[in-house]
Amino acid sequence: SSSYLDMTRQNMRFSLGIFSFYQGMRLEIGSNWERRFSLKDLEDKWKNNWSIIENQISA
């Protein structure tokens, strides 16, 4: 079970890295890109997935 926890921690770090990269891209690209793609939907999905992960970890 300890190896599973290590994998989970690595996955969390990886996800946070992707998320911070995504936030940086969003700031760089700006509102033109945001008009074409619904970033709000993506963020809501990401946050929902994250809360599911957090619930599984704390369970």
C-alpha atoms as a PDB file:
ATOM      1  CA  SER A   1       0.000   0.000   0.000  1.00  0.00           C
ATOM      2  CA  SER A   2       2.976   2.323   0.528  1.00  0.00           C
ATOM      3  CA  SER A   3       3.901   2.083  -3.151  1.00  0.00           C
ATOM      4  CA  TYR A   4       0.317   3.003  -4.050  1.00  0.00           C
ATOM      5  CA  LEU A   5       0.582   6.082  -1.850  1.00  0.00           C
ATOM      6  CA  ASP A   6       3.871   7.050  -3.514  1.00  0.00           C
ATOM      7  CA  MET A   7       2.247   6.700  -6.936  1.00  0.00           C
ATOM      8  CA  THR A   8      -0.692   8.816  -5.783  1.00  0.00           C
ATOM      9  CA  ARG A   9       1.644  11.539  -4.548  1.00  0.00           C
ATOM     10  CA  GLN A  10       3.504  11.506  -7.844  1.00  0.00           C
ATOM     11  CA  ASN A  11       0.219  11.727  -9.748  1.00  0.00           C
ATOM     12  CA  MET A  12      -0.868  14.666  -7.587  1.00  0.00           C
ATOM     13  CA  ARG A  13       2.412  16.483  -8.258  1.00  0.00           C
ATOM     14  CA  PHE A  14       2.067  15.743 -11.968  1.00  0.00           C
ATOM     15  CA  SER A  15      -1.522  17.040 -12.001  1.00  0.00           C
ATOM     16  CA  LEU A  16      -0.540  20.200 -10.154  1.00  0.00           C
ATOM     17  CA  GLY A  17       2.281  20.743 -12.648  1.00  0.00           C
ATOM     18  CA  ILE A  18      -0.112  20.393 -15.564  1.00  0.00           C
ATOM     19  CA  PHE A  19      -2.604  22.715 -13.893  1.00  0.00           C
ATOM     20  CA  SER A  20      -0.049  25.457 -13.217  1.00  0.00           C
ATOM     21  CA  PHE A  21       1.212  25.112 -16.785  1.00  0.00           C
ATOM     22  CA  TYR A  22      -2.373  25.365 -18.035  1.00  0.00           C
ATOM     23  CA  GLN A  23      -2.982  28.480 -15.932  1.00  0.00           C
ATOM     24  CA  GLY A  24       0.200  30.066 -17.325  1.00  0.00           C
ATOM     25  CA  MET A  25      -0.845  29.230 -20.892  1.00  0.00           C
ATOM     26  CA  ARG A  26      -4.236  30.754 -20.219  1.00  0.00           C
ATOM     27  CA  LEU A  27      -2.664  34.001 -19.007  1.00  0.00           C
ATOM     28  CA  GLU A  28      -0.332  34.165 -22.027  1.00  0.00           C
ATOM     29  CA  ILE A  29      -2.909  33.349 -24.668  1.00  0.00           C
ATOM     30  CA  GLY A  30      -5.513  35.628 -23.161  1.00  0.00           C
ATOM     31  CA  SER A  31      -9.091  36.393 -24.045  1.00  0.00           C
ATOM     32  CA  ASN A  32      -8.985  35.542 -27.764  1.00  0.00           C
ATOM     33  CA  TRP A  33      -8.369  31.905 -26.918  1.00  0.00           C
ATOM     34  CA  GLU A  34     -10.884  32.009 -24.104  1.00  0.00           C
ATOM     35  CA  ARG A  35     -13.617  33.113 -26.517  1.00  0.00           C
ATOM     36  CA  ARG A  36     -13.025  30.066 -28.707  1.00  0.00           C
ATOM     37  CA  PHE A  37     -12.826  27.463 -25.929  1.00  0.00           C
ATOM     38  CA  SER A  38     -14.889  27.282 -22.794  1.00  0.00           C
ATOM     39  CA  LEU A  39     -12.111  27.241 -20.215  1.00  0.00           C
ATOM     40  CA  LYS A  40     -14.673  27.541 -17.429  1.00  0.00           C
ATOM     41  CA  ASP A  41     -16.023  24.093 -18.323  1.00  0.00           C
ATOM     42  CA  LEU A  42     -12.502  22.671 -18.334  1.00  0.00           C
ATOM     43  CA  GLU A  43     -11.774  24.230 -14.951  1.00  0.00           C
ATOM     44  CA  ASP A  44     -14.997  22.907 -13.443  1.00  0.00           C
ATOM     45  CA  LYS A  45     -14.246  19.404 -14.713  1.00  0.00           C
ATOM     46  CA  TRP A  46     -10.698  19.620 -13.355  1.00  0.00           C
ATOM     47  CA  LYS A  47     -11.913  20.843  -9.965  1.00  0.00           C
ATOM     48  CA  ASN A  48     -14.540  18.089  -9.803  1.00  0.00           C
ATOM     49  CA  ASN A  49     -11.902  15.462 -10.588  1.00  0.00           C
ATOM     50  CA  TRP A  50      -9.578  16.979  -8.006  1.00  0.00           C
ATOM     51  CA  SER A  51     -12.222  16.909  -5.267  1.00  0.00           C
ATOM     52  CA  ILE A  52     -12.914  13.249  -6.095  1.00  0.00           C
ATOM     53  CA  ILE A  53      -9.169  12.516  -5.763  1.00  0.00           C
ATOM     54  CA  GLU A  54      -8.987  14.429  -2.470  1.00  0.00           C
ATOM     55  CA  ASN A  55     -11.977  12.505  -1.099  1.00  0.00           C
ATOM     56  CA  GLN A  56     -10.350   9.195  -2.028  1.00  0.00           C
ATOM     57  CA  ILE A  57      -7.076  10.201  -0.350  1.00  0.00           C
ATOM     58  CA  SER A  58      -8.746  11.343   2.872  1.00  0.00           C
ATOM     59  CA  ALA A  59     -11.053   8.307   2.968  1.00  0.00           C
END
